[in-house]
Amino acid sequence: MVVEVAYALPHKQKILSLTVGEETTVRQAVVASGIDEHFPEVDVLSCAVGIFGKAVPKPDERMLKPGERVEIYRPLIADPKEVRKQRAAKNKAAKEA
């Protein structure tokens, strides 16, 4: 079956199409894709992954279906909740001034 493995940076992205067996897990597809040759910083054995935008909590157990796209997620630079909190505090302070 054919599946895709995708990884993106702000300035560069790559989607690799590969043929895998029917009993292939998400993690096995990531390793088989060779994405780490294009992005050496990606730790294919422990990176966070998802399928079509939905996180896969157990990529070593989840079997792929034909046509699925595995997405490799980068770590967050900042906690989104904290950023929103800081923005709200800044807006509040600006209104009071």
N, C-alpha and C. Protein backbone atom coordinates (compact mmCIF):
# COMPACT_ATOMS: atom_id res chain seq x y z
N MET A 1 0.84 -1.18 0.00
CA MET A 1 0.00 0.00 0.00
C MET A 1 0.89 1.25 0.00
N VAL A 2 0.35 2.34 -0.50
CA VAL A 2 1.10 3.59 -0.59
C VAL A 2 0.65 4.53 0.53
N VAL A 3 1.62 5.10 1.24
CA VAL A 3 1.36 6.09 2.29
C VAL A 3 2.36 7.23 2.09
N GLU A 4 2.15 8.33 2.81
CA GLU A 4 3.06 9.46 2.76
C GLU A 4 3.58 9.77 4.15
N VAL A 5 4.79 10.31 4.20
CA VAL A 5 5.38 10.80 5.44
C VAL A 5 5.78 12.25 5.17
N ALA A 6 5.34 13.15 6.05
CA ALA A 6 5.58 14.58 5.84
C ALA A 6 6.26 15.21 7.04
N TYR A 7 7.13 16.19 6.75
CA TYR A 7 7.76 16.98 7.79
C TYR A 7 7.96 18.38 7.23
N ALA A 8 7.75 19.39 8.07
CA ALA A 8 7.88 20.76 7.58
C ALA A 8 8.57 21.65 8.59
N LEU A 9 9.39 22.52 8.07
CA LEU A 9 9.98 23.61 8.81
C LEU A 9 9.38 24.90 8.23
N PRO A 10 9.56 26.04 8.86
CA PRO A 10 9.00 27.26 8.30
C PRO A 10 9.48 27.57 6.87
N HIS A 11 10.68 27.16 6.54
CA HIS A 11 11.26 27.49 5.24
C HIS A 11 11.44 26.29 4.29
N LYS A 12 11.13 25.09 4.75
CA LYS A 12 11.36 23.89 3.94
C LYS A 12 10.41 22.78 4.38
N GLN A 13 9.84 22.07 3.42
CA GLN A 13 9.00 20.92 3.77
C GLN A 13 9.25 19.79 2.78
N LYS A 14 8.89 18.61 3.22
CA LYS A 14 9.11 17.43 2.39
C LYS A 14 7.97 16.44 2.63
N ILE A 15 7.38 15.94 1.55
CA ILE A 15 6.39 14.87 1.63
C ILE A 15 6.93 13.72 0.80
N LEU A 16 7.16 12.59 1.47
CA LEU A 16 7.71 11.42 0.80
C LEU A 16 6.63 10.36 0.66
N SER A 17 6.49 9.84 -0.53
CA SER A 17 5.53 8.76 -0.79
C SER A 17 6.30 7.45 -0.77
N LEU A 18 5.74 6.44 -0.07
CA LEU A 18 6.42 5.16 -0.03
C LEU A 18 5.42 4.01 -0.03
N THR A 19 5.89 2.89 -0.50
CA THR A 19 5.08 1.69 -0.52
C THR A 19 5.51 0.83 0.67
N VAL A 20 4.53 0.44 1.48
CA VAL A 20 4.80 -0.36 2.68
C VAL A 20 3.85 -1.56 2.71
N GLY A 21 4.17 -2.50 3.56
CA GLY A 21 3.32 -3.67 3.73
C GLY A 21 2.06 -3.34 4.52
N GLU A 22 1.08 -4.21 4.48
CA GLU A 22 -0.20 -3.98 5.15
C GLU A 22 -0.10 -3.93 6.67
N GLU A 23 0.88 -4.55 7.25
CA GLU A 23 1.03 -4.58 8.71
C GLU A 23 2.05 -3.55 9.20
N THR A 24 2.21 -2.46 8.48
CA THR A 24 3.20 -1.44 8.83
C THR A 24 2.62 -0.46 9.85
N THR A 25 3.39 -0.20 10.91
CA THR A 25 2.95 0.78 11.91
C THR A 25 3.37 2.19 11.49
N VAL A 26 2.82 3.16 12.17
CA VAL A 26 3.16 4.55 11.90
C VAL A 26 4.66 4.76 12.07
N ARG A 27 5.21 4.28 13.17
CA ARG A 27 6.64 4.46 13.44
C ARG A 27 7.49 3.78 12.38
N GLN A 28 7.12 2.58 11.96
CA GLN A 28 7.88 1.88 10.93
C GLN A 28 7.91 2.66 9.62
N ALA A 29 6.79 3.30 9.28
CA ALA A 29 6.74 4.10 8.05
C ALA A 29 7.66 5.31 8.16
N VAL A 30 7.68 5.95 9.33
CA VAL A 30 8.57 7.11 9.52
C VAL A 30 10.02 6.69 9.34
N VAL A 31 10.40 5.58 9.95
CA VAL A 31 11.78 5.09 9.84
C VAL A 31 12.09 4.71 8.39
N ALA A 32 11.17 4.00 7.75
CA ALA A 32 11.39 3.53 6.37
C ALA A 32 11.44 4.68 5.37
N SER A 33 10.82 5.79 5.68
CA SER A 33 10.78 6.91 4.74
C SER A 33 12.14 7.53 4.48
N GLY A 34 13.05 7.43 5.45
CA GLY A 34 14.35 8.07 5.31
C GLY A 34 14.29 9.58 5.47
N ILE A 35 13.25 10.07 6.11
CA ILE A 35 13.07 11.52 6.29
C ILE A 35 14.25 12.13 7.04
N ASP A 36 14.90 11.34 7.89
CA ASP A 36 16.04 11.85 8.65
C ASP A 36 17.26 12.13 7.76
N GLU A 37 17.27 11.63 6.54
CA GLU A 37 18.33 11.98 5.60
C GLU A 37 18.15 13.41 5.11
N HIS A 38 16.90 13.87 5.02
CA HIS A 38 16.60 15.23 4.59
C HIS A 38 16.63 16.21 5.76
N PHE A 39 16.26 15.71 6.95
CA PHE A 39 16.20 16.53 8.16
C PHE A 39 16.91 15.76 9.29
N PRO A 40 18.23 15.89 9.39
CA PRO A 40 18.99 15.11 10.38
C PRO A 40 18.56 15.36 11.83
N GLU A 41 17.92 16.49 12.09
CA GLU A 41 17.50 16.79 13.46
C GLU A 41 16.30 15.97 13.93
N VAL A 42 15.64 15.29 13.02
CA VAL A 42 14.46 14.50 13.37
C VAL A 42 14.90 13.17 13.98
N ASP A 43 14.42 12.90 15.18
CA ASP A 43 14.68 11.61 15.83
C ASP A 43 13.53 10.68 15.48
N VAL A 44 13.70 9.89 14.43
CA VAL A 44 12.61 9.08 13.90
C VAL A 44 12.09 8.04 14.89
N LEU A 45 12.89 7.70 15.89
CA LEU A 45 12.47 6.68 16.85
C LEU A 45 11.63 7.23 17.99
N SER A 46 11.59 8.55 18.17
CA SER A 46 10.82 9.09 19.30
C SER A 46 10.03 10.35 18.98
N CYS A 47 10.06 10.82 17.75
CA CYS A 47 9.35 12.07 17.41
C CYS A 47 7.83 11.89 17.54
N ALA A 48 7.17 13.01 17.84
CA ALA A 48 5.71 13.01 17.90
C ALA A 48 5.16 12.97 16.48
N VAL A 49 4.11 12.18 16.28
CA VAL A 49 3.55 12.03 14.93
C VAL A 49 2.02 12.07 14.98
N GLY A 50 1.45 12.27 13.80
CA GLY A 50 0.01 12.24 13.67
C GLY A 50 -0.36 11.79 12.27
N ILE A 51 -1.66 11.59 12.07
CA ILE A 51 -2.17 11.22 10.76
C ILE A 51 -3.23 12.24 10.39
N PHE A 52 -3.00 12.96 9.29
CA PHE A 52 -3.91 13.99 8.83
C PHE A 52 -4.31 14.96 9.95
N GLY A 53 -3.31 15.41 10.73
CA GLY A 53 -3.56 16.43 11.75
C GLY A 53 -4.05 15.94 13.09
N LYS A 54 -4.19 14.65 13.26
CA LYS A 54 -4.61 14.09 14.55
C LYS A 54 -3.46 13.29 15.15
N ALA A 55 -3.07 13.65 16.37
CA ALA A 55 -1.95 12.99 17.03
C ALA A 55 -2.20 11.50 17.20
N VAL A 56 -1.14 10.73 17.04
CA VAL A 56 -1.18 9.29 17.25
C VAL A 56 -0.41 9.01 18.54
N PRO A 57 -1.12 8.68 19.63
CA PRO A 57 -0.44 8.50 20.92
C PRO A 57 0.47 7.27 20.98
N LYS A 58 0.17 6.23 20.21
CA LYS A 58 0.99 5.00 20.24
C LYS A 58 1.41 4.63 18.81
N PRO A 59 2.37 5.37 18.25
CA PRO A 59 2.76 5.14 16.86
C PRO A 59 3.41 3.78 16.61
N ASP A 60 3.90 3.13 17.67
CA ASP A 60 4.50 1.82 17.49
C ASP A 60 3.45 0.72 17.40
N GLU A 61 2.20 1.06 17.70
CA GLU A 61 1.10 0.08 17.67
C GLU A 61 0.10 0.35 16.56
N ARG A 62 -0.07 1.60 16.17
CA ARG A 62 -1.11 1.99 15.20
C ARG A 62 -0.71 1.56 13.79
N MET A 63 -1.52 0.68 13.19
CA MET A 63 -1.27 0.22 11.82
C MET A 63 -1.80 1.26 10.84
N LEU A 64 -1.09 1.42 9.75
CA LEU A 64 -1.49 2.37 8.72
C LEU A 64 -2.52 1.77 7.77
N LYS A 65 -3.29 2.67 7.16
CA LYS A 65 -4.25 2.29 6.13
C LYS A 65 -3.78 2.92 4.82
N PRO A 66 -4.16 2.33 3.68
CA PRO A 66 -3.71 2.87 2.40
C PRO A 66 -4.09 4.36 2.25
N GLY A 67 -3.12 5.14 1.73
CA GLY A 67 -3.37 6.54 1.44
C GLY A 67 -3.20 7.50 2.61
N GLU A 68 -2.91 6.99 3.80
CA GLU A 68 -2.76 7.89 4.95
C GLU A 68 -1.46 8.68 4.86
N ARG A 69 -1.49 9.89 5.43
CA ARG A 69 -0.30 10.73 5.49
C ARG A 69 0.15 10.86 6.94
N VAL A 70 1.34 10.40 7.23
CA VAL A 70 1.93 10.52 8.56
C VAL A 70 2.64 11.86 8.62
N GLU A 71 2.33 12.64 9.64
CA GLU A 71 2.96 13.94 9.81
C GLU A 71 3.86 13.90 11.04
N ILE A 72 5.07 14.38 10.89
CA ILE A 72 6.01 14.44 11.99
C ILE A 72 5.92 15.83 12.59
N TYR A 73 5.71 15.91 13.90
CA TYR A 73 5.53 17.20 14.56
C TYR A 73 6.81 17.67 15.21
N ARG A 74 7.06 18.98 15.09
CA ARG A 74 8.20 19.61 15.76
C ARG A 74 7.80 19.95 17.18
N PRO A 75 8.77 20.01 18.09
CA PRO A 75 8.44 20.43 19.46
C PRO A 75 8.00 21.89 19.48
N LEU A 76 7.12 22.25 20.40
CA LEU A 76 6.67 23.63 20.52
C LEU A 76 7.80 24.50 21.06
N ILE A 77 7.91 25.70 20.52
CA ILE A 77 8.91 26.66 20.99
C ILE A 77 8.42 27.31 22.27
N ALA A 78 7.12 27.60 22.31
CA ALA A 78 6.52 28.24 23.49
C ALA A 78 5.18 27.59 23.77
N ASP A 79 4.79 27.59 25.04
CA ASP A 79 3.51 27.04 25.44
C ASP A 79 2.40 27.98 24.96
N PRO A 80 1.48 27.53 24.10
CA PRO A 80 0.43 28.40 23.58
C PRO A 80 -0.42 29.06 24.66
N LYS A 81 -0.70 28.34 25.74
CA LYS A 81 -1.50 28.93 26.82
C LYS A 81 -0.77 30.10 27.47
N GLU A 82 0.52 29.92 27.68
CA GLU A 82 1.31 30.98 28.30
C GLU A 82 1.40 32.20 27.39
N VAL A 83 1.56 31.98 26.10
CA VAL A 83 1.62 33.08 25.14
C VAL A 83 0.31 33.87 25.14
N ARG A 84 -0.83 33.18 25.15
CA ARG A 84 -2.13 33.86 25.20
C ARG A 84 -2.28 34.66 26.48
N LYS A 85 -1.83 34.07 27.59
CA LYS A 85 -1.90 34.74 28.89
C LYS A 85 -1.09 36.04 28.87
N GLN A 86 0.11 35.97 28.33
CA GLN A 86 0.97 37.15 28.25
C GLN A 86 0.36 38.21 27.34
N ARG A 87 -0.22 37.80 26.23
CA ARG A 87 -0.85 38.74 25.30
C ARG A 87 -2.04 39.43 25.95
N ALA A 88 -2.84 38.68 26.69
CA ALA A 88 -4.00 39.25 27.39
C ALA A 88 -3.55 40.26 28.44
N ALA A 89 -2.50 39.93 29.18
CA ALA A 89 -1.99 40.86 30.20
C ALA A 89 -1.46 42.13 29.55
N LYS A 90 -0.80 41.99 28.42
CA LYS A 90 -0.26 43.16 27.71
C LYS A 90 -1.40 44.05 27.20
N ASN A 91 -2.43 43.44 26.64
CA ASN A 91 -3.59 44.20 26.15
C ASN A 91 -4.31 44.90 27.29
N LYS A 92 -4.44 44.24 28.41
CA LYS A 92 -5.09 44.83 29.58
C LYS A 92 -4.30 46.04 30.09
N ALA A 93 -2.99 45.89 30.14
CA ALA A 93 -2.14 46.99 30.60
C ALA A 93 -2.22 48.17 29.63
N ALA A 94 -2.30 47.89 28.33
CA ALA A 94 -2.39 48.97 27.35
C ALA A 94 -3.71 49.72 27.46
N LYS A 95 -4.79 49.03 27.76
CA LYS A 95 -6.11 49.68 27.91
C LYS A 95 -6.15 50.55 29.16
N GLU A 96 -5.45 50.14 30.22
CA GLU A 96 -5.45 50.88 31.47
C GLU A 96 -4.56 52.11 31.39
N ALA A 97 -3.64 52.13 30.45
CA ALA A 97 -2.71 53.27 30.36
C ALA A 97 -3.30 54.46 29.65
